[in-house]
Amino acid sequence: MNTAEENYLKETYALQLDHKQVTTSMLADRIGHTAPTVTGMLKKLASHKWVVYEPYQGVKLTRSGRAAALGVIRRHRLLETFLSRTLGVPWDKVHDEAERLEHAISEYLESRIDDFLGHPSNDPHGSPIPGPDGSIHEPTRLRLSDLLVGSSARIVEVDDREPGLLAHLSELCLGLETEVEVIAIEPVDRLMTIRVGAQERILGRTAASQIIVKSLKGA
């Protein structure tokens, strides 16, 4: 399996977490390819039995495709954790570095990294790391943007694909395990005002939608 095929499987898996149907346009937006290019790749993946693809009906991972996707995700998240813990690579830069390395390391090196790190369960962005057997625990994905005024929650995961967002969250002191309370939501633009300790922060809907939280009350 080549790098492009691995990336398509990985991104299809990610989209399936939030969408019952993954369309070619979703993959095109996420990967940055044209719709015809995506269609061609999906047909190729289907020929290898990694996905089930029907025009106008979307794409689904097969059992073997899901296993392959989780293998790539495991390598990526282990690398992020290794780079963050051992080299101090900040969380807004570690994704791109892991992206470059994830297709190159062997199973042996993957296992050694896992042992060295003590078999971590989550990466620096809070995302679960699949086990070597392909198992993964995906908790219910409640987004900060889904909360109502008066709700309180704890940040448990942040989308790792937007370095600008991660850098901005660092500036706002909105890291993992931070507890927040929603105190206002603008009715038109959906700007969200949250309280963090004694401070108030304002987030746009796009930013809030990329933050996964665990409800504490009122959600």
N, C-alpha and C. Protein backbone atom coordinates (compact mmCIF):
# COMPACT_ATOMS: atom_id res chain seq x y z
N MET A 1 0.85 -1.19 0.00
CA MET A 1 0.00 0.00 0.00
C MET A 1 0.89 1.25 0.00
N ASN A 2 0.58 2.20 -0.87
CA ASN A 2 1.42 3.40 -0.94
C ASN A 2 0.88 4.51 -0.02
N THR A 3 1.64 5.61 0.02
CA THR A 3 1.31 6.71 0.93
C THR A 3 -0.07 7.29 0.65
N ALA A 4 -0.38 7.53 -0.62
CA ALA A 4 -1.68 8.12 -0.97
C ALA A 4 -2.83 7.23 -0.53
N GLU A 5 -2.70 5.93 -0.74
CA GLU A 5 -3.75 4.99 -0.35
C GLU A 5 -3.94 4.99 1.17
N GLU A 6 -2.84 4.99 1.90
CA GLU A 6 -2.93 5.04 3.36
C GLU A 6 -3.62 6.31 3.83
N ASN A 7 -3.30 7.44 3.18
CA ASN A 7 -3.92 8.70 3.58
C ASN A 7 -5.43 8.70 3.32
N TYR A 8 -5.84 8.13 2.21
CA TYR A 8 -7.28 8.07 1.90
C TYR A 8 -8.01 7.21 2.93
N LEU A 9 -7.44 6.09 3.29
CA LEU A 9 -8.08 5.23 4.29
C LEU A 9 -8.15 5.93 5.63
N LYS A 10 -7.07 6.60 6.01
CA LYS A 10 -7.03 7.31 7.29
C LYS A 10 -8.08 8.42 7.34
N GLU A 11 -8.19 9.20 6.26
CA GLU A 11 -9.14 10.31 6.26
C GLU A 11 -10.58 9.81 6.15
N THR A 12 -10.79 8.70 5.47
CA THR A 12 -12.14 8.12 5.44
C THR A 12 -12.56 7.68 6.83
N TYR A 13 -11.65 7.06 7.56
CA TYR A 13 -11.94 6.66 8.93
C TYR A 13 -12.32 7.88 9.77
N ALA A 14 -11.54 8.96 9.66
CA ALA A 14 -11.80 10.16 10.45
C ALA A 14 -13.17 10.75 10.12
N LEU A 15 -13.53 10.78 8.86
CA LEU A 15 -14.83 11.32 8.47
C LEU A 15 -15.98 10.44 8.94
N GLN A 16 -15.77 9.13 8.97
CA GLN A 16 -16.83 8.22 9.42
C GLN A 16 -17.18 8.43 10.89
N LEU A 17 -16.28 9.02 11.67
CA LEU A 17 -16.57 9.26 13.08
C LEU A 17 -17.71 10.26 13.25
N ASP A 18 -17.86 11.16 12.29
CA ASP A 18 -18.85 12.23 12.42
C ASP A 18 -19.95 12.19 11.37
N HIS A 19 -19.82 11.30 10.39
CA HIS A 19 -20.80 11.28 9.30
C HIS A 19 -21.22 9.84 8.99
N LYS A 20 -22.50 9.62 8.85
CA LYS A 20 -23.00 8.30 8.50
C LYS A 20 -22.62 7.95 7.07
N GLN A 21 -22.55 8.97 6.23
CA GLN A 21 -22.19 8.75 4.83
C GLN A 21 -21.00 9.65 4.48
N VAL A 22 -19.92 9.05 4.01
CA VAL A 22 -18.75 9.80 3.59
C VAL A 22 -18.80 9.94 2.07
N THR A 23 -18.87 11.17 1.58
CA THR A 23 -18.99 11.42 0.15
C THR A 23 -17.64 11.78 -0.47
N THR A 24 -17.59 11.72 -1.78
CA THR A 24 -16.36 12.10 -2.48
C THR A 24 -16.03 13.57 -2.23
N SER A 25 -17.05 14.42 -2.14
CA SER A 25 -16.79 15.85 -1.91
C SER A 25 -16.19 16.08 -0.52
N MET A 26 -16.62 15.31 0.47
CA MET A 26 -16.02 15.42 1.80
C MET A 26 -14.53 15.07 1.76
N LEU A 27 -14.22 13.97 1.07
CA LEU A 27 -12.82 13.57 0.96
C LEU A 27 -12.02 14.58 0.15
N ALA A 28 -12.61 15.11 -0.90
CA ALA A 28 -11.93 16.11 -1.71
C ALA A 28 -11.57 17.33 -0.87
N ASP A 29 -12.51 17.80 -0.05
CA ASP A 29 -12.26 18.96 0.80
C ASP A 29 -11.19 18.66 1.85
N ARG A 30 -11.25 17.47 2.42
CA ARG A 30 -10.34 17.12 3.51
C ARG A 30 -8.91 16.87 3.01
N ILE A 31 -8.78 16.23 1.85
CA ILE A 31 -7.46 15.87 1.34
C ILE A 31 -6.90 16.94 0.41
N GLY A 32 -7.81 17.73 -0.20
CA GLY A 32 -7.35 18.77 -1.10
C GLY A 32 -7.15 18.30 -2.53
N HIS A 33 -7.86 17.25 -2.91
CA HIS A 33 -7.81 16.74 -4.28
C HIS A 33 -9.12 17.06 -5.00
N THR A 34 -9.10 16.99 -6.33
CA THR A 34 -10.31 17.21 -7.10
C THR A 34 -11.23 16.00 -6.98
N ALA A 35 -12.50 16.23 -7.25
CA ALA A 35 -13.47 15.13 -7.17
C ALA A 35 -13.12 13.97 -8.10
N PRO A 36 -12.71 14.23 -9.37
CA PRO A 36 -12.33 13.10 -10.23
C PRO A 36 -11.14 12.31 -9.69
N THR A 37 -10.17 13.00 -9.08
CA THR A 37 -9.03 12.30 -8.49
C THR A 37 -9.47 11.42 -7.34
N VAL A 38 -10.36 11.94 -6.51
CA VAL A 38 -10.88 11.16 -5.38
C VAL A 38 -11.63 9.94 -5.89
N THR A 39 -12.47 10.14 -6.89
CA THR A 39 -13.24 9.02 -7.45
C THR A 39 -12.32 7.93 -7.98
N GLY A 40 -11.27 8.34 -8.68
CA GLY A 40 -10.32 7.36 -9.20
C GLY A 40 -9.64 6.57 -8.10
N MET A 41 -9.26 7.26 -7.02
CA MET A 41 -8.61 6.57 -5.91
C MET A 41 -9.58 5.63 -5.21
N LEU A 42 -10.82 6.04 -5.03
CA LEU A 42 -11.81 5.18 -4.37
C LEU A 42 -12.07 3.91 -5.18
N LYS A 43 -12.09 4.04 -6.48
CA LYS A 43 -12.26 2.85 -7.33
C LYS A 43 -11.07 1.90 -7.16
N LYS A 44 -9.88 2.47 -7.04
CA LYS A 44 -8.69 1.66 -6.85
C LYS A 44 -8.73 0.96 -5.49
N LEU A 45 -9.11 1.71 -4.45
CA LEU A 45 -9.21 1.11 -3.11
C LEU A 45 -10.28 0.02 -3.08
N ALA A 46 -11.37 0.25 -3.79
CA ALA A 46 -12.44 -0.76 -3.85
C ALA A 46 -11.95 -2.03 -4.54
N SER A 47 -11.09 -1.88 -5.54
CA SER A 47 -10.58 -3.06 -6.24
C SER A 47 -9.69 -3.91 -5.34
N HIS A 48 -9.12 -3.28 -4.31
CA HIS A 48 -8.30 -4.02 -3.34
C HIS A 48 -9.13 -4.49 -2.12
N LYS A 49 -10.45 -4.23 -2.16
CA LYS A 49 -11.35 -4.63 -1.08
C LYS A 49 -11.09 -3.86 0.23
N TRP A 50 -10.54 -2.65 0.12
CA TRP A 50 -10.32 -1.84 1.32
C TRP A 50 -11.51 -0.93 1.60
N VAL A 51 -12.30 -0.63 0.58
CA VAL A 51 -13.51 0.17 0.77
C VAL A 51 -14.63 -0.41 -0.08
N VAL A 52 -15.84 -0.04 0.29
CA VAL A 52 -17.00 -0.28 -0.56
C VAL A 52 -17.42 1.08 -1.10
N TYR A 53 -17.38 1.22 -2.41
CA TYR A 53 -17.68 2.51 -3.03
C TYR A 53 -18.76 2.37 -4.07
N GLU A 54 -19.78 3.22 -3.93
CA GLU A 54 -20.85 3.26 -4.92
C GLU A 54 -21.04 4.72 -5.33
N PRO A 55 -20.97 5.04 -6.62
CA PRO A 55 -21.17 6.42 -7.06
C PRO A 55 -22.47 7.00 -6.51
N TYR A 56 -22.37 8.21 -6.00
CA TYR A 56 -23.50 8.96 -5.44
C TYR A 56 -24.01 8.38 -4.12
N GLN A 57 -23.41 7.29 -3.64
CA GLN A 57 -23.82 6.70 -2.38
C GLN A 57 -22.75 6.81 -1.30
N GLY A 58 -21.55 7.25 -1.69
CA GLY A 58 -20.48 7.43 -0.72
C GLY A 58 -19.58 6.22 -0.60
N VAL A 59 -18.75 6.22 0.42
CA VAL A 59 -17.73 5.19 0.60
C VAL A 59 -17.72 4.74 2.06
N LYS A 60 -17.46 3.44 2.26
CA LYS A 60 -17.32 2.88 3.60
C LYS A 60 -16.09 1.99 3.63
N LEU A 61 -15.40 2.00 4.75
CA LEU A 61 -14.26 1.12 4.91
C LEU A 61 -14.73 -0.32 5.11
N THR A 62 -14.05 -1.25 4.49
CA THR A 62 -14.27 -2.66 4.79
C THR A 62 -13.52 -3.00 6.07
N ARG A 63 -13.65 -4.23 6.53
CA ARG A 63 -12.92 -4.63 7.74
C ARG A 63 -11.41 -4.49 7.55
N SER A 64 -10.92 -4.95 6.39
CA SER A 64 -9.49 -4.84 6.14
C SER A 64 -9.06 -3.39 5.93
N GLY A 65 -9.93 -2.58 5.34
CA GLY A 65 -9.63 -1.17 5.15
C GLY A 65 -9.57 -0.42 6.47
N ARG A 66 -10.49 -0.76 7.38
CA ARG A 66 -10.49 -0.14 8.70
C ARG A 66 -9.23 -0.52 9.47
N ALA A 67 -8.83 -1.78 9.37
CA ALA A 67 -7.61 -2.23 10.05
C ALA A 67 -6.39 -1.49 9.51
N ALA A 68 -6.33 -1.31 8.19
CA ALA A 68 -5.21 -0.59 7.59
C ALA A 68 -5.20 0.87 8.02
N ALA A 69 -6.39 1.49 8.06
CA ALA A 69 -6.48 2.89 8.48
C ALA A 69 -6.02 3.05 9.92
N LEU A 70 -6.44 2.15 10.78
CA LEU A 70 -6.05 2.24 12.20
C LEU A 70 -4.56 1.98 12.38
N GLY A 71 -3.97 1.19 11.50
CA GLY A 71 -2.52 0.99 11.56
C GLY A 71 -1.77 2.28 11.29
N VAL A 72 -2.22 3.03 10.30
CA VAL A 72 -1.59 4.32 9.98
C VAL A 72 -1.82 5.31 11.12
N ILE A 73 -3.05 5.34 11.63
CA ILE A 73 -3.38 6.26 12.73
C ILE A 73 -2.55 5.94 13.97
N ARG A 74 -2.35 4.66 14.24
CA ARG A 74 -1.53 4.26 15.39
C ARG A 74 -0.10 4.80 15.24
N ARG A 75 0.49 4.60 14.06
CA ARG A 75 1.85 5.10 13.85
C ARG A 75 1.92 6.61 13.99
N HIS A 76 0.94 7.29 13.41
CA HIS A 76 0.91 8.75 13.47
C HIS A 76 0.83 9.25 14.91
N ARG A 77 -0.07 8.70 15.68
CA ARG A 77 -0.27 9.19 17.05
C ARG A 77 0.86 8.79 17.99
N LEU A 78 1.46 7.63 17.74
CA LEU A 78 2.64 7.27 18.53
C LEU A 78 3.79 8.22 18.21
N LEU A 79 3.96 8.56 16.94
CA LEU A 79 5.02 9.49 16.56
C LEU A 79 4.77 10.87 17.15
N GLU A 80 3.54 11.34 17.12
CA GLU A 80 3.23 12.63 17.73
C GLU A 80 3.61 12.62 19.21
N THR A 81 3.26 11.55 19.89
CA THR A 81 3.54 11.45 21.32
C THR A 81 5.05 11.39 21.57
N PHE A 82 5.76 10.63 20.76
CA PHE A 82 7.21 10.53 20.89
C PHE A 82 7.88 11.88 20.66
N LEU A 83 7.50 12.56 19.60
CA LEU A 83 8.11 13.85 19.27
C LEU A 83 7.79 14.89 20.33
N SER A 84 6.58 14.85 20.86
CA SER A 84 6.17 15.80 21.88
C SER A 84 6.91 15.56 23.20
N ARG A 85 6.95 14.30 23.62
CA ARG A 85 7.54 13.99 24.93
C ARG A 85 9.05 14.07 24.93
N THR A 86 9.68 13.56 23.89
CA THR A 86 11.14 13.43 23.91
C THR A 86 11.86 14.65 23.33
N LEU A 87 11.27 15.29 22.34
CA LEU A 87 11.91 16.43 21.71
C LEU A 87 11.24 17.76 22.02
N GLY A 88 10.11 17.70 22.72
CA GLY A 88 9.41 18.93 23.08
C GLY A 88 8.79 19.66 21.92
N VAL A 89 8.48 18.94 20.84
CA VAL A 89 7.83 19.58 19.70
C VAL A 89 6.44 20.04 20.14
N PRO A 90 6.11 21.32 19.99
CA PRO A 90 4.81 21.83 20.46
C PRO A 90 3.64 21.21 19.71
N TRP A 91 2.46 21.22 20.35
CA TRP A 91 1.32 20.50 19.79
C TRP A 91 0.80 21.09 18.49
N ASP A 92 1.17 22.34 18.18
CA ASP A 92 0.73 22.91 16.91
C ASP A 92 1.69 22.59 15.76
N LYS A 93 2.81 21.93 16.03
CA LYS A 93 3.77 21.58 14.98
C LYS A 93 3.95 20.07 14.82
N VAL A 94 3.54 19.31 15.84
CA VAL A 94 3.88 17.89 15.84
C VAL A 94 3.10 17.08 14.80
N HIS A 95 1.91 17.53 14.43
CA HIS A 95 1.11 16.78 13.44
C HIS A 95 1.83 16.69 12.10
N ASP A 96 2.31 17.82 11.59
CA ASP A 96 2.94 17.82 10.28
C ASP A 96 4.21 16.97 10.28
N GLU A 97 4.95 17.00 11.39
CA GLU A 97 6.17 16.20 11.46
C GLU A 97 5.83 14.70 11.47
N ALA A 98 4.81 14.33 12.24
CA ALA A 98 4.39 12.93 12.28
C ALA A 98 3.83 12.48 10.93
N GLU A 99 3.19 13.39 10.23
CA GLU A 99 2.62 13.09 8.92
C GLU A 99 3.72 12.67 7.94
N ARG A 100 4.87 13.30 8.06
CA ARG A 100 5.98 12.98 7.16
C ARG A 100 6.61 11.63 7.49
N LEU A 101 6.54 11.22 8.74
CA LEU A 101 7.23 10.02 9.20
C LEU A 101 6.36 8.77 9.24
N GLU A 102 5.05 8.94 9.31
CA GLU A 102 4.17 7.80 9.60
C GLU A 102 4.20 6.70 8.56
N HIS A 103 4.55 7.03 7.33
CA HIS A 103 4.54 6.04 6.26
C HIS A 103 5.89 5.33 6.13
N ALA A 104 6.87 5.77 6.92
CA ALA A 104 8.23 5.27 6.72
C ALA A 104 8.70 4.30 7.80
N ILE A 105 8.13 4.35 8.99
CA ILE A 105 8.68 3.53 10.07
C ILE A 105 8.19 2.08 9.95
N SER A 106 9.01 1.17 10.41
CA SER A 106 8.68 -0.25 10.37
C SER A 106 7.84 -0.65 11.58
N GLU A 107 7.26 -1.84 11.54
CA GLU A 107 6.52 -2.36 12.68
C GLU A 107 7.44 -2.51 13.89
N TYR A 108 8.68 -2.89 13.61
CA TYR A 108 9.65 -3.05 14.71
C TYR A 108 9.87 -1.72 15.43
N LEU A 109 10.12 -0.65 14.66
CA LEU A 109 10.35 0.66 15.29
C LEU A 109 9.08 1.17 15.96
N GLU A 110 7.95 0.92 15.35
CA GLU A 110 6.67 1.30 15.98
C GLU A 110 6.54 0.64 17.35
N SER A 111 6.86 -0.64 17.43
CA SER A 111 6.77 -1.36 18.70
C SER A 111 7.77 -0.82 19.72
N ARG A 112 8.98 -0.49 19.27
CA ARG A 112 9.98 0.04 20.19
C ARG A 112 9.56 1.41 20.73
N ILE A 113 8.98 2.24 19.88
CA ILE A 113 8.50 3.55 20.33
C ILE A 113 7.40 3.38 21.35
N ASP A 114 6.48 2.45 21.09
CA ASP A 114 5.38 2.19 22.01
C ASP A 114 5.91 1.73 23.37
N ASP A 115 6.88 0.81 23.35
CA ASP A 115 7.48 0.34 24.61
C ASP A 115 8.18 1.48 25.35
N PHE A 116 8.94 2.28 24.61
CA PHE A 116 9.69 3.38 25.20
C PHE A 116 8.77 4.38 25.89
N LEU A 117 7.61 4.62 25.27
CA LEU A 117 6.65 5.60 25.81
C LEU A 117 5.79 5.03 26.93
N GLY A 118 5.86 3.72 27.16
CA GLY A 118 5.03 3.10 28.19
C GLY A 118 3.61 2.82 27.74
N HIS A 119 3.45 2.60 26.44
CA HIS A 119 2.14 2.24 25.87
C HIS A 119 1.07 3.31 26.16
N PRO A 120 1.27 4.52 25.66
CA PRO A 120 0.31 5.60 25.91
C PRO A 120 -1.06 5.31 25.29
N SER A 121 -2.09 5.82 25.93
CA SER A 121 -3.45 5.60 25.43
C SER A 121 -3.94 6.75 24.56
N ASN A 122 -3.32 7.93 24.69
CA ASN A 122 -3.76 9.11 23.93
C ASN A 122 -2.55 9.90 23.45
N ASP A 123 -2.73 10.60 22.35
CA ASP A 123 -1.64 11.43 21.81
C ASP A 123 -1.69 12.83 22.42
N PRO A 124 -0.79 13.75 22.03
CA PRO A 124 -0.76 15.08 22.65
C PRO A 124 -2.02 15.92 22.44
N HIS A 125 -2.86 15.52 21.49
CA HIS A 125 -4.10 16.26 21.23
C HIS A 125 -5.31 15.57 21.87
N GLY A 126 -5.06 14.51 22.63
CA GLY A 126 -6.14 13.81 23.31
C GLY A 126 -6.77 12.69 22.51
N SER A 127 -6.31 12.47 21.28
CA SER A 127 -6.90 11.43 20.43
C SER A 127 -6.45 10.05 20.89
N PRO A 128 -7.35 9.07 20.90
CA PRO A 128 -6.98 7.72 21.34
C PRO A 128 -6.01 7.06 20.37
N ILE A 129 -5.04 6.33 20.91
CA ILE A 129 -4.06 5.62 20.10
C ILE A 129 -4.53 4.17 19.95
N PRO A 130 -4.75 3.71 18.72
CA PRO A 130 -5.17 2.31 18.54
C PRO A 130 -4.13 1.34 19.10
N GLY A 131 -4.60 0.20 19.58
CA GLY A 131 -3.71 -0.83 20.08
C GLY A 131 -3.04 -1.56 18.93
N PRO A 132 -2.00 -2.35 19.22
CA PRO A 132 -1.31 -3.09 18.16
C PRO A 132 -2.22 -4.11 17.47
N ASP A 133 -3.31 -4.48 18.14
CA ASP A 133 -4.26 -5.42 17.55
C ASP A 133 -5.36 -4.71 16.75
N GLY A 134 -5.25 -3.38 16.62
CA GLY A 134 -6.25 -2.63 15.87
C GLY A 134 -7.44 -2.19 16.68
N SER A 135 -7.46 -2.49 17.97
CA SER A 135 -8.56 -2.06 18.82
C SER A 135 -8.44 -0.58 19.14
N ILE A 136 -9.57 0.07 19.32
CA ILE A 136 -9.56 1.49 19.67
C ILE A 136 -10.85 1.82 20.40
N HIS A 137 -10.73 2.67 21.41
CA HIS A 137 -11.91 3.15 22.12
C HIS A 137 -12.20 4.57 21.65
N GLU A 138 -13.30 4.72 20.94
CA GLU A 138 -13.72 6.04 20.45
C GLU A 138 -14.90 6.51 21.28
N PRO A 139 -14.68 7.38 22.25
CA PRO A 139 -15.80 7.87 23.07
C PRO A 139 -16.75 8.73 22.26
N THR A 140 -17.93 8.96 22.78
CA THR A 140 -18.89 9.84 22.13
C THR A 140 -18.28 11.21 21.92
N ARG A 141 -18.41 11.72 20.71
CA ARG A 141 -17.75 12.98 20.35
C ARG A 141 -18.71 14.14 20.57
N LEU A 142 -18.59 14.79 21.72
CA LEU A 142 -19.37 15.98 22.04
C LEU A 142 -18.48 17.20 21.79
N ARG A 143 -18.92 18.06 20.90
CA ARG A 143 -18.11 19.22 20.54
C ARG A 143 -18.50 20.44 21.39
N LEU A 144 -17.51 21.28 21.63
CA LEU A 144 -17.78 22.50 22.41
C LEU A 144 -18.88 23.32 21.77
N SER A 145 -18.93 23.34 20.44
CA SER A 145 -19.95 24.11 19.73
C SER A 145 -21.36 23.56 19.94
N ASP A 146 -21.49 22.33 20.45
CA ASP A 146 -22.80 21.72 20.69
C ASP A 146 -23.40 22.12 22.03
N LEU A 147 -22.58 22.71 22.90
CA LEU A 147 -23.04 23.01 24.25
C LEU A 147 -23.96 24.22 24.27
N LEU A 148 -24.80 24.26 25.30
CA LEU A 148 -25.73 25.37 25.51
C LEU A 148 -25.18 26.30 26.58
N VAL A 149 -25.73 27.49 26.62
CA VAL A 149 -25.34 28.44 27.67
C VAL A 149 -25.62 27.84 29.05
N GLY A 150 -24.68 27.97 29.95
CA GLY A 150 -24.80 27.39 31.28
C GLY A 150 -24.14 26.04 31.42
N SER A 151 -23.72 25.46 30.29
CA SER A 151 -23.07 24.15 30.33
C SER A 151 -21.61 24.28 30.76
N SER A 152 -21.13 23.26 31.43
CA SER A 152 -19.72 23.18 31.79
C SER A 152 -19.15 21.89 31.22
N ALA A 153 -17.88 21.93 30.85
CA ALA A 153 -17.25 20.75 30.25
C ALA A 153 -15.75 20.82 30.42
N ARG A 154 -15.11 19.69 30.16
CA ARG A 154 -13.65 19.61 30.20
C ARG A 154 -13.14 19.25 28.81
N ILE A 155 -12.13 19.95 28.34
CA ILE A 155 -11.55 19.68 27.02
C ILE A 155 -10.79 18.36 27.07
N VAL A 156 -11.14 17.44 26.16
CA VAL A 156 -10.48 16.12 26.16
C VAL A 156 -9.75 15.81 24.85
N GLU A 157 -10.05 16.57 23.79
CA GLU A 157 -9.40 16.31 22.50
C GLU A 157 -9.55 17.54 21.63
N VAL A 158 -8.55 17.78 20.78
CA VAL A 158 -8.58 18.90 19.85
C VAL A 158 -8.11 18.41 18.49
N ASP A 159 -8.78 18.84 17.43
CA ASP A 159 -8.38 18.48 16.08
C ASP A 159 -6.93 18.88 15.85
N ASP A 160 -6.11 17.95 15.35
CA ASP A 160 -4.68 18.22 15.22
C ASP A 160 -4.28 18.73 13.84
N ARG A 161 -5.24 18.93 12.93
CA ARG A 161 -4.88 19.28 11.55
C ARG A 161 -4.77 20.78 11.30
N GLU A 162 -5.12 21.59 12.31
CA GLU A 162 -5.09 23.04 12.12
C GLU A 162 -4.09 23.66 13.08
N PRO A 163 -2.83 23.83 12.65
CA PRO A 163 -1.82 24.40 13.55
C PRO A 163 -2.16 25.80 14.06
N GLY A 164 -2.82 26.58 13.20
CA GLY A 164 -3.21 27.92 13.63
C GLY A 164 -4.18 27.88 14.80
N LEU A 165 -5.13 26.95 14.75
CA LEU A 165 -6.08 26.79 15.85
C LEU A 165 -5.36 26.37 17.12
N LEU A 166 -4.45 25.40 17.01
CA LEU A 166 -3.75 24.91 18.18
C LEU A 166 -2.89 26.01 18.81
N ALA A 167 -2.24 26.80 17.98
CA ALA A 167 -1.44 27.91 18.51
C ALA A 167 -2.34 28.92 19.20
N HIS A 168 -3.50 29.19 18.61
CA HIS A 168 -4.44 30.13 19.20
C HIS A 168 -4.96 29.63 20.54
N LEU A 169 -5.27 28.34 20.61
CA LEU A 169 -5.75 27.77 21.87
C LEU A 169 -4.68 27.84 22.95
N SER A 170 -3.43 27.66 22.57
CA SER A 170 -2.34 27.79 23.53
C SER A 170 -2.28 29.21 24.09
N GLU A 171 -2.46 30.19 23.22
CA GLU A 171 -2.46 31.58 23.66
C GLU A 171 -3.61 31.86 24.63
N LEU A 172 -4.72 31.17 24.42
CA LEU A 172 -5.90 31.36 25.28
C LEU A 172 -5.87 30.45 26.51
N CYS A 173 -4.80 29.67 26.67
CA CYS A 173 -4.67 28.71 27.78
C CYS A 173 -5.81 27.69 27.77
N LEU A 174 -6.15 27.22 26.56
CA LEU A 174 -7.21 26.22 26.41
C LEU A 174 -6.58 24.90 25.96
N GLY A 175 -5.92 24.24 26.90
CA GLY A 175 -5.31 22.96 26.62
C GLY A 175 -6.17 21.80 27.08
N LEU A 176 -5.66 20.59 26.93
CA LEU A 176 -6.38 19.42 27.40
C LEU A 176 -6.60 19.49 28.90
N GLU A 177 -7.74 18.99 29.32
CA GLU A 177 -8.16 18.94 30.73
C GLU A 177 -8.62 20.29 31.28
N THR A 178 -8.60 21.33 30.44
CA THR A 178 -9.10 22.64 30.88
C THR A 178 -10.62 22.58 31.03
N GLU A 179 -11.12 23.08 32.14
CA GLU A 179 -12.57 23.15 32.36
C GLU A 179 -13.10 24.51 31.93
N VAL A 180 -14.20 24.46 31.18
CA VAL A 180 -14.79 25.69 30.65
C VAL A 180 -16.28 25.72 30.96
N GLU A 181 -16.81 26.92 30.99
CA GLU A 181 -18.25 27.12 31.16
C GLU A 181 -18.74 28.06 30.07
N VAL A 182 -19.80 27.68 29.38
CA VAL A 182 -20.37 28.51 28.33
C VAL A 182 -21.26 29.57 28.97
N ILE A 183 -20.94 30.84 28.75
CA ILE A 183 -21.72 31.89 29.40
C ILE A 183 -22.53 32.72 28.40
N ALA A 184 -22.22 32.63 27.11
CA ALA A 184 -23.02 33.35 26.11
C ALA A 184 -22.73 32.80 24.72
N ILE A 185 -23.77 32.82 23.87
CA ILE A 185 -23.62 32.44 22.46
C ILE A 185 -24.37 33.47 21.62
N GLU A 186 -23.67 34.14 20.72
CA GLU A 186 -24.32 35.13 19.87
C GLU A 186 -25.30 34.44 18.92
N PRO A 187 -26.51 34.94 18.79
CA PRO A 187 -27.53 34.23 17.99
C PRO A 187 -27.26 34.21 16.49
N VAL A 188 -26.53 35.20 15.96
CA VAL A 188 -26.32 35.28 14.51
C VAL A 188 -25.04 34.58 14.09
N ASP A 189 -23.90 35.01 14.60
CA ASP A 189 -22.62 34.44 14.17
C ASP A 189 -22.15 33.30 15.05
N ARG A 190 -22.90 33.00 16.12
CA ARG A 190 -22.62 31.87 17.01
C ARG A 190 -21.28 32.00 17.73
N LEU A 191 -20.78 33.24 17.86
CA LEU A 191 -19.60 33.44 18.69
C LEU A 191 -19.91 32.97 20.10
N MET A 192 -18.98 32.22 20.68
CA MET A 192 -19.20 31.62 21.99
C MET A 192 -18.29 32.27 23.02
N THR A 193 -18.87 32.74 24.10
CA THR A 193 -18.09 33.27 25.21
C THR A 193 -18.02 32.21 26.29
N ILE A 194 -16.82 31.85 26.68
CA ILE A 194 -16.64 30.82 27.70
C ILE A 194 -15.85 31.39 28.86
N ARG A 195 -16.05 30.80 30.02
CA ARG A 195 -15.28 31.19 31.20
C ARG A 195 -14.28 30.10 31.51
N VAL A 196 -13.03 30.51 31.69
CA VAL A 196 -11.95 29.61 32.06
C VAL A 196 -11.34 30.16 33.34
N GLY A 197 -11.66 29.52 34.46
CA GLY A 197 -11.25 30.08 35.73
C GLY A 197 -11.94 31.41 35.95
N ALA A 198 -11.16 32.46 36.14
CA ALA A 198 -11.73 33.80 36.33
C ALA A 198 -11.72 34.60 35.04
N GLN A 199 -11.26 34.00 33.94
CA GLN A 199 -11.12 34.71 32.67
C GLN A 199 -12.21 34.33 31.68
N GLU A 200 -12.56 35.26 30.81
CA GLU A 200 -13.50 34.98 29.73
C GLU A 200 -12.75 34.92 28.41
N ARG A 201 -13.16 33.99 27.55
CA ARG A 201 -12.57 33.82 26.24
C ARG A 201 -13.68 33.78 25.20
N ILE A 202 -13.38 34.24 23.98
CA ILE A 202 -14.36 34.21 22.90
C ILE A 202 -13.83 33.32 21.77
N LEU A 203 -14.67 32.40 21.32
CA LEU A 203 -14.30 31.49 20.24
C LEU A 203 -15.34 31.54 19.13
N GLY A 204 -14.88 31.48 17.88
CA GLY A 204 -15.79 31.36 16.75
C GLY A 204 -16.34 29.94 16.68
N ARG A 205 -17.40 29.77 15.91
CA ARG A 205 -18.04 28.46 15.82
C ARG A 205 -17.10 27.41 15.22
N THR A 206 -16.32 27.80 14.22
CA THR A 206 -15.42 26.84 13.60
C THR A 206 -14.41 26.31 14.61
N ALA A 207 -13.82 27.21 15.39
CA ALA A 207 -12.86 26.79 16.40
C ALA A 207 -13.52 25.90 17.45
N ALA A 208 -14.70 26.32 17.91
CA ALA A 208 -15.40 25.56 18.94
C ALA A 208 -15.80 24.17 18.45
N SER A 209 -16.05 24.04 17.15
CA SER A 209 -16.47 22.75 16.60
C SER A 209 -15.32 21.76 16.51
N GLN A 210 -14.10 22.23 16.65
CA GLN A 210 -12.93 21.35 16.57
C GLN A 210 -12.38 20.96 17.94
N ILE A 211 -13.14 21.32 18.96
CA ILE A 211 -12.74 20.98 20.33
C ILE A 211 -13.73 19.96 20.89
N ILE A 212 -13.22 18.80 21.27
CA ILE A 212 -14.05 17.74 21.84
C ILE A 212 -14.01 17.86 23.34
N VAL A 213 -15.18 17.77 23.97
CA VAL A 213 -15.26 17.96 25.41
C VAL A 213 -16.02 16.83 26.08
N LYS A 214 -15.86 16.74 27.38
CA LYS A 214 -16.66 15.84 28.21
C LYS A 214 -17.53 16.71 29.09
N SER A 215 -18.83 16.47 29.02
CA SER A 215 -19.78 17.29 29.76
C SER A 215 -19.62 17.12 31.27
N LEU A 216 -19.68 18.24 31.97
CA LEU A 216 -19.67 18.20 33.43
C LEU A 216 -21.05 18.51 33.99
N LYS A 217 -21.76 19.46 33.34
CA LYS A 217 -23.13 19.73 33.75
C LYS A 217 -23.83 20.56 32.68
N GLY A 218 -25.12 20.40 32.58
CA GLY A 218 -25.94 21.29 31.78
C GLY A 218 -25.93 21.07 30.28
N ALA A 219 -25.14 20.09 29.78
CA ALA A 219 -25.09 19.90 28.32
C ALA A 219 -26.35 19.22 27.81
